[in-house]
């Protein structure tokens, strides 16, 4: 099972309110949209990282937490007169708690056209399986149930 931390977005929002930085002058990333879903024997995580520097994308797993970070550089500020500045630059970061039912050693990822796709396999012990039931005719015991009348004395 995977769990997404909804509080990281709230922390970012609160930090921007407390520091007075609402992104009007500094183009700081506010969020990294992701989709997480399960298909057969693996989970898929898809993250939108348009314009992220491919060499800056980092994916790590530590103590059951998958951390994804990426950086998008801003154009040089020298001699630039901004008319509109809506595209964020800076570092994106998301953390997702992995459950016990995944195989962290088998995680793989690919980055293509601004989209990072991460495959997180389900651990072998967490996969559903059929349990064989042995049938033996010998050694059967018959169990009877019933109520016994209380004795009065």
C-alpha atoms as a PDB file:
ATOM      1  CA  UNK A   1       0.000   0.000   0.000  1.00  0.00           C
ATOM      2  CA  UNK A   2       1.217   3.500  -0.814  1.00  0.00           C
ATOM      3  CA  UNK A   3       0.366   6.609   1.130  1.00  0.00           C
ATOM      4  CA  UNK A   4       0.748  10.164  -0.143  1.00  0.00           C
ATOM      5  CA  UNK A   5       1.502  12.870   2.414  1.00  0.00           C
ATOM      6  CA  UNK A   6      -1.165  15.570   1.942  1.00  0.00           C
ATOM      7  CA  UNK A   7       0.420  17.679   4.672  1.00  0.00           C
ATOM      8  CA  UNK A   8       3.469  18.605   2.601  1.00  0.00           C
ATOM      9  CA  UNK A   9       1.293  20.830   0.378  1.00  0.00           C
ATOM     10  CA  UNK A  10      -0.291  22.398   3.467  1.00  0.00           C
ATOM     11  CA  UNK A  11       3.191  23.016   4.915  1.00  0.00           C
ATOM     12  CA  UNK A  12       4.300  24.735   1.703  1.00  0.00           C
ATOM     13  CA  UNK A  13       1.166  26.881   1.646  1.00  0.00           C
ATOM     14  CA  UNK A  14       1.560  27.845   5.316  1.00  0.00           C
ATOM     15  CA  UNK A  15       5.246  28.652   4.819  1.00  0.00           C
ATOM     16  CA  UNK A  16       4.383  30.951   1.902  1.00  0.00           C
ATOM     17  CA  UNK A  17       1.769  32.765   4.006  1.00  0.00           C
ATOM     18  CA  UNK A  18       4.079  33.190   6.982  1.00  0.00           C
ATOM     19  CA  UNK A  19       7.022  34.434   4.932  1.00  0.00           C
ATOM     20  CA  UNK A  20       4.868  36.659   2.731  1.00  0.00           C
ATOM     21  CA  UNK A  21       6.236  34.915  -0.354  1.00  0.00           C
ATOM     22  CA  UNK A  22       3.260  34.129  -2.555  1.00  0.00           C
ATOM     23  CA  UNK A  23       5.371  33.431  -5.633  1.00  0.00           C
ATOM     24  CA  UNK A  24       4.806  36.839  -7.243  1.00  0.00           C
ATOM     25  CA  UNK A  25       8.483  37.708  -7.424  1.00  0.00           C
ATOM     26  CA  UNK A  26      10.225  34.394  -6.880  1.00  0.00           C
ATOM     27  CA  UNK A  27       9.117  31.666  -9.234  1.00  0.00           C
ATOM     28  CA  UNK A  28       9.195  28.790  -6.731  1.00  0.00           C
ATOM     29  CA  UNK A  29       7.495  25.476  -7.510  1.00  0.00           C
ATOM     30  CA  UNK A  30       4.302  25.085  -5.503  1.00  0.00           C
ATOM     31  CA  UNK A  31       3.465  21.473  -6.262  1.00  0.00           C
ATOM     32  CA  UNK A  32       4.348  18.427  -8.311  1.00  0.00           C
ATOM     33  CA  UNK A  33       1.171  16.745  -9.587  1.00  0.00           C
ATOM     34  CA  UNK A  34       1.286  12.961  -9.360  1.00  0.00           C
ATOM     35  CA  UNK A  35      -0.989  10.028 -10.082  1.00  0.00           C
ATOM     36  CA  UNK A  36      -0.585   6.736  -8.208  1.00  0.00           C
ATOM     37  CA  UNK A  37      -2.470   3.595  -9.186  1.00  0.00           C
ATOM     38  CA  UNK A  38      -2.168  -0.190  -8.999  1.00  0.00           C
ATOM     39  CA  UNK A  39      -2.037  -2.447 -12.039  1.00  0.00           C
ATOM     40  CA  UNK A  40      -1.829  -6.215 -11.507  1.00  0.00           C
ATOM     41  CA  UNK A  41       1.450  -6.864  -9.657  1.00  0.00           C
ATOM     42  CA  UNK A  42       2.814  -3.318  -9.393  1.00  0.00           C
ATOM     43  CA  UNK A  43       2.023   0.273  -8.507  1.00  0.00           C
ATOM     44  CA  UNK A  44       2.588   3.079 -10.997  1.00  0.00           C
ATOM     45  CA  UNK A  45       3.497   6.608 -10.017  1.00  0.00           C
ATOM     46  CA  UNK A  46       3.375   9.240 -12.736  1.00  0.00           C
ATOM     47  CA  UNK A  47       4.694  12.733 -11.988  1.00  0.00           C
ATOM     48  CA  UNK A  48       4.477  15.826 -14.181  1.00  0.00           C
ATOM     49  CA  UNK A  49       7.866  17.532 -14.277  1.00  0.00           C
ATOM     50  CA  UNK A  50       7.701  19.785 -17.344  1.00  0.00           C
ATOM     51  CA  UNK A  51      10.966  21.543 -18.045  1.00  0.00           C
ATOM     52  CA  UNK A  52      12.825  19.775 -15.237  1.00  0.00           C
ATOM     53  CA  UNK A  53      16.529  19.431 -15.845  1.00  0.00           C
ATOM     54  CA  UNK A  54      16.845  15.662 -16.542  1.00  0.00           C
ATOM     55  CA  UNK A  55      20.116  15.412 -14.611  1.00  0.00           C
ATOM     56  CA  UNK A  56      18.514  16.944 -11.516  1.00  0.00           C
ATOM     57  CA  UNK A  57      15.804  14.317 -11.105  1.00  0.00           C
ATOM     58  CA  UNK A  58      16.511  12.192  -8.050  1.00  0.00           C
ATOM     59  CA  UNK A  59      14.517   9.214  -6.819  1.00  0.00           C
ATOM     60  CA  UNK A  60      15.508   7.494  -3.573  1.00  0.00           C
ATOM     61  CA  UNK A  61      14.061   5.071  -1.028  1.00  0.00           C
ATOM     62  CA  UNK A  62      15.030   5.272   2.631  1.00  0.00           C
ATOM     63  CA  UNK A  63      13.256   3.580   5.552  1.00  0.00           C
ATOM     64  CA  UNK A  64      10.123   2.917   3.513  1.00  0.00           C
ATOM     65  CA  UNK A  65       9.845   6.476   2.170  1.00  0.00           C
ATOM     66  CA  UNK A  66      10.182   7.171  -1.555  1.00  0.00           C
ATOM     67  CA  UNK A  67      11.526  10.689  -2.148  1.00  0.00           C
ATOM     68  CA  UNK A  68      11.271  12.350  -5.552  1.00  0.00           C
ATOM     69  CA  UNK A  69      13.013  15.636  -6.242  1.00  0.00           C
ATOM     70  CA  UNK A  70      13.756  17.592  -9.390  1.00  0.00           C
ATOM     71  CA  UNK A  71      14.992  21.049 -10.332  1.00  0.00           C
ATOM     72  CA  UNK A  72      13.920  23.410 -13.091  1.00  0.00           C
ATOM     73  CA  UNK A  73      16.338  26.250 -13.823  1.00  0.00           C
ATOM     74  CA  UNK A  74      15.169  29.758 -14.535  1.00  0.00           C
ATOM     75  CA  UNK A  75      16.502  31.745 -17.440  1.00  0.00           C
ATOM     76  CA  UNK A  76      19.298  34.162 -16.665  1.00  0.00           C
ATOM     77  CA  UNK A  77      18.047  37.258 -14.843  1.00  0.00           C
ATOM     78  CA  UNK A  78      20.694  39.579 -16.364  1.00  0.00           C
ATOM     79  CA  UNK A  79      19.150  42.258 -18.546  1.00  0.00           C
ATOM     80  CA  UNK A  80      15.708  40.659 -18.460  1.00  0.00           C
ATOM     81  CA  UNK A  81      12.591  42.787 -18.156  1.00  0.00           C
ATOM     82  CA  UNK A  82       9.818  40.387 -17.183  1.00  0.00           C
ATOM     83  CA  UNK A  83       6.406  41.042 -18.710  1.00  0.00           C
ATOM     84  CA  UNK A  84       4.859  37.883 -17.278  1.00  0.00           C
ATOM     85  CA  UNK A  85       6.422  35.401 -14.890  1.00  0.00           C
ATOM     86  CA  UNK A  86       4.149  32.440 -14.230  1.00  0.00           C
ATOM     87  CA  UNK A  87       6.403  29.439 -14.832  1.00  0.00           C
ATOM     88  CA  UNK A  88       7.975  28.171 -11.641  1.00  0.00           C
ATOM     89  CA  UNK A  89      11.649  27.402 -11.270  1.00  0.00           C
ATOM     90  CA  UNK A  90      13.511  25.845  -8.391  1.00  0.00           C
ATOM     91  CA  UNK A  91      13.344  22.492  -6.659  1.00  0.00           C
ATOM     92  CA  UNK A  92      10.312  20.227  -6.504  1.00  0.00           C
ATOM     93  CA  UNK A  93      10.101  17.549  -3.795  1.00  0.00           C
ATOM     94  CA  UNK A  94       7.509  14.909  -2.897  1.00  0.00           C
ATOM     95  CA  UNK A  95       7.635  12.045  -0.418  1.00  0.00           C
ATOM     96  CA  UNK A  96       5.480   8.943  -0.442  1.00  0.00           C
ATOM     97  CA  UNK A  97       5.386   6.335   2.297  1.00  0.00           C
ATOM     98  CA  UNK A  98       5.708   2.814   0.952  1.00  0.00           C
ATOM     99  CA  UNK A  99       3.882   0.038   2.728  1.00  0.00           C
ATOM    100  CA  UNK A 100       5.355  -3.332   3.661  1.00  0.00           C
ATOM    101  CA  UNK A 101       3.795  -4.929   0.597  1.00  0.00           C
ATOM    102  CA  UNK A 102       6.176  -3.428  -1.969  1.00  0.00           C
ATOM    103  CA  UNK A 103       9.613  -4.465  -3.207  1.00  0.00           C
ATOM    104  CA  UNK A 104      11.861  -1.370  -2.931  1.00  0.00           C
ATOM    105  CA  UNK A 105      14.762  -3.145  -4.649  1.00  0.00           C
ATOM    106  CA  UNK A 106      12.693  -3.587  -7.818  1.00  0.00           C
ATOM    107  CA  UNK A 107      11.669   0.062  -8.273  1.00  0.00           C
ATOM    108  CA  UNK A 108      12.503   1.490 -11.704  1.00  0.00           C
ATOM    109  CA  UNK A 109      11.815   4.833 -13.384  1.00  0.00           C
ATOM    110  CA  UNK A 110      11.868   6.550 -16.780  1.00  0.00           C
ATOM    111  CA  UNK A 111      11.654  10.247 -17.716  1.00  0.00           C
ATOM    112  CA  UNK A 112      10.152  11.129 -21.091  1.00  0.00           C
ATOM    113  CA  UNK A 113       8.677  14.404 -22.416  1.00  0.00           C
ATOM    114  CA  UNK A 114       8.434  15.989 -18.978  1.00  0.00           C
ATOM    115  CA  UNK A 115       6.753  12.995 -17.341  1.00  0.00           C
ATOM    116  CA  UNK A 116       8.454  10.742 -14.808  1.00  0.00           C
ATOM    117  CA  UNK A 117       7.020   7.204 -14.672  1.00  0.00           C
ATOM    118  CA  UNK A 118       7.948   5.067 -11.668  1.00  0.00           C
ATOM    119  CA  UNK A 119       7.121   1.365 -11.377  1.00  0.00           C
ATOM    120  CA  UNK A 120       6.933  -0.011  -7.832  1.00  0.00           C
ATOM    121  CA  UNK A 121       6.548  -3.809  -7.776  1.00  0.00           C
ATOM    122  CA  UNK A 122       4.394  -5.588  -5.219  1.00  0.00           C
ATOM    123  CA  UNK A 123       6.514  -7.789  -2.934  1.00  0.00           C
ATOM    124  CA  UNK A 124       6.288 -11.505  -3.584  1.00  0.00           C
ATOM    125  CA  UNK A 125       4.953 -12.223  -0.072  1.00  0.00           C
ATOM    126  CA  UNK A 126       2.176  -9.624  -0.551  1.00  0.00           C
ATOM    127  CA  UNK A 127       0.855 -11.072  -3.810  1.00  0.00           C
ATOM    128  CA  UNK A 128      -2.394 -13.023  -3.560  1.00  0.00           C
ATOM    129  CA  UNK A 129      -1.937 -16.757  -3.894  1.00  0.00           C
ATOM    130  CA  UNK A 130      -3.955 -19.939  -3.740  1.00  0.00           C
ATOM    131  CA  UNK A 131      -3.507 -22.124  -0.715  1.00  0.00           C
ATOM    132  CA  UNK A 132      -3.618 -25.868  -1.335  1.00  0.00           C
ATOM    133  CA  UNK A 133      -6.019 -27.801   0.832  1.00  0.00           C
ATOM    134  CA  UNK A 134      -5.085 -31.353   1.641  1.00  0.00           C
ATOM    135  CA  UNK A 135      -7.858 -33.936   1.658  1.00  0.00           C
ATOM    136  CA  UNK A 136      -7.316 -37.049   3.666  1.00  0.00           C
ATOM    137  CA  UNK A 137      -9.903 -39.701   4.399  1.00  0.00           C
ATOM    138  CA  UNK A 138      -7.873 -41.354   7.133  1.00  0.00           C
ATOM    139  CA  UNK A 139      -7.881 -39.941  10.590  1.00  0.00           C
ATOM    140  CA  UNK A 140     -11.190 -38.150  10.280  1.00  0.00           C
ATOM    141  CA  UNK A 141     -12.910 -37.366  13.493  1.00  0.00           C
ATOM    142  CA  UNK A 142     -16.556 -36.759  13.907  1.00  0.00           C
ATOM    143  CA  UNK A 143     -17.390 -33.872  16.152  1.00  0.00           C
ATOM    144  CA  UNK A 144     -20.822 -33.566  17.618  1.00  0.00           C
ATOM    145  CA  UNK A 145     -22.181 -30.585  19.390  1.00  0.00           C
ATOM    146  CA  UNK A 146     -25.167 -30.311  21.612  1.00  0.00           C
ATOM    147  CA  UNK A 147     -26.385 -28.912  24.861  1.00  0.00           C
ATOM    148  CA  UNK A 148     -26.276 -30.763  28.063  1.00  0.00           C
ATOM    149  CA  UNK A 149     -29.060 -30.427  30.561  1.00  0.00           C
ATOM    150  CA  UNK A 150     -27.905 -28.939  33.849  1.00  0.00           C
ATOM    151  CA  UNK A 151     -28.274 -31.278  36.781  1.00  0.00           C
ATOM    152  CA  UNK A 152     -30.344 -30.099  39.658  1.00  0.00           C
ATOM    153  CA  UNK A 153     -29.595 -31.125  43.089  1.00  0.00           C
END
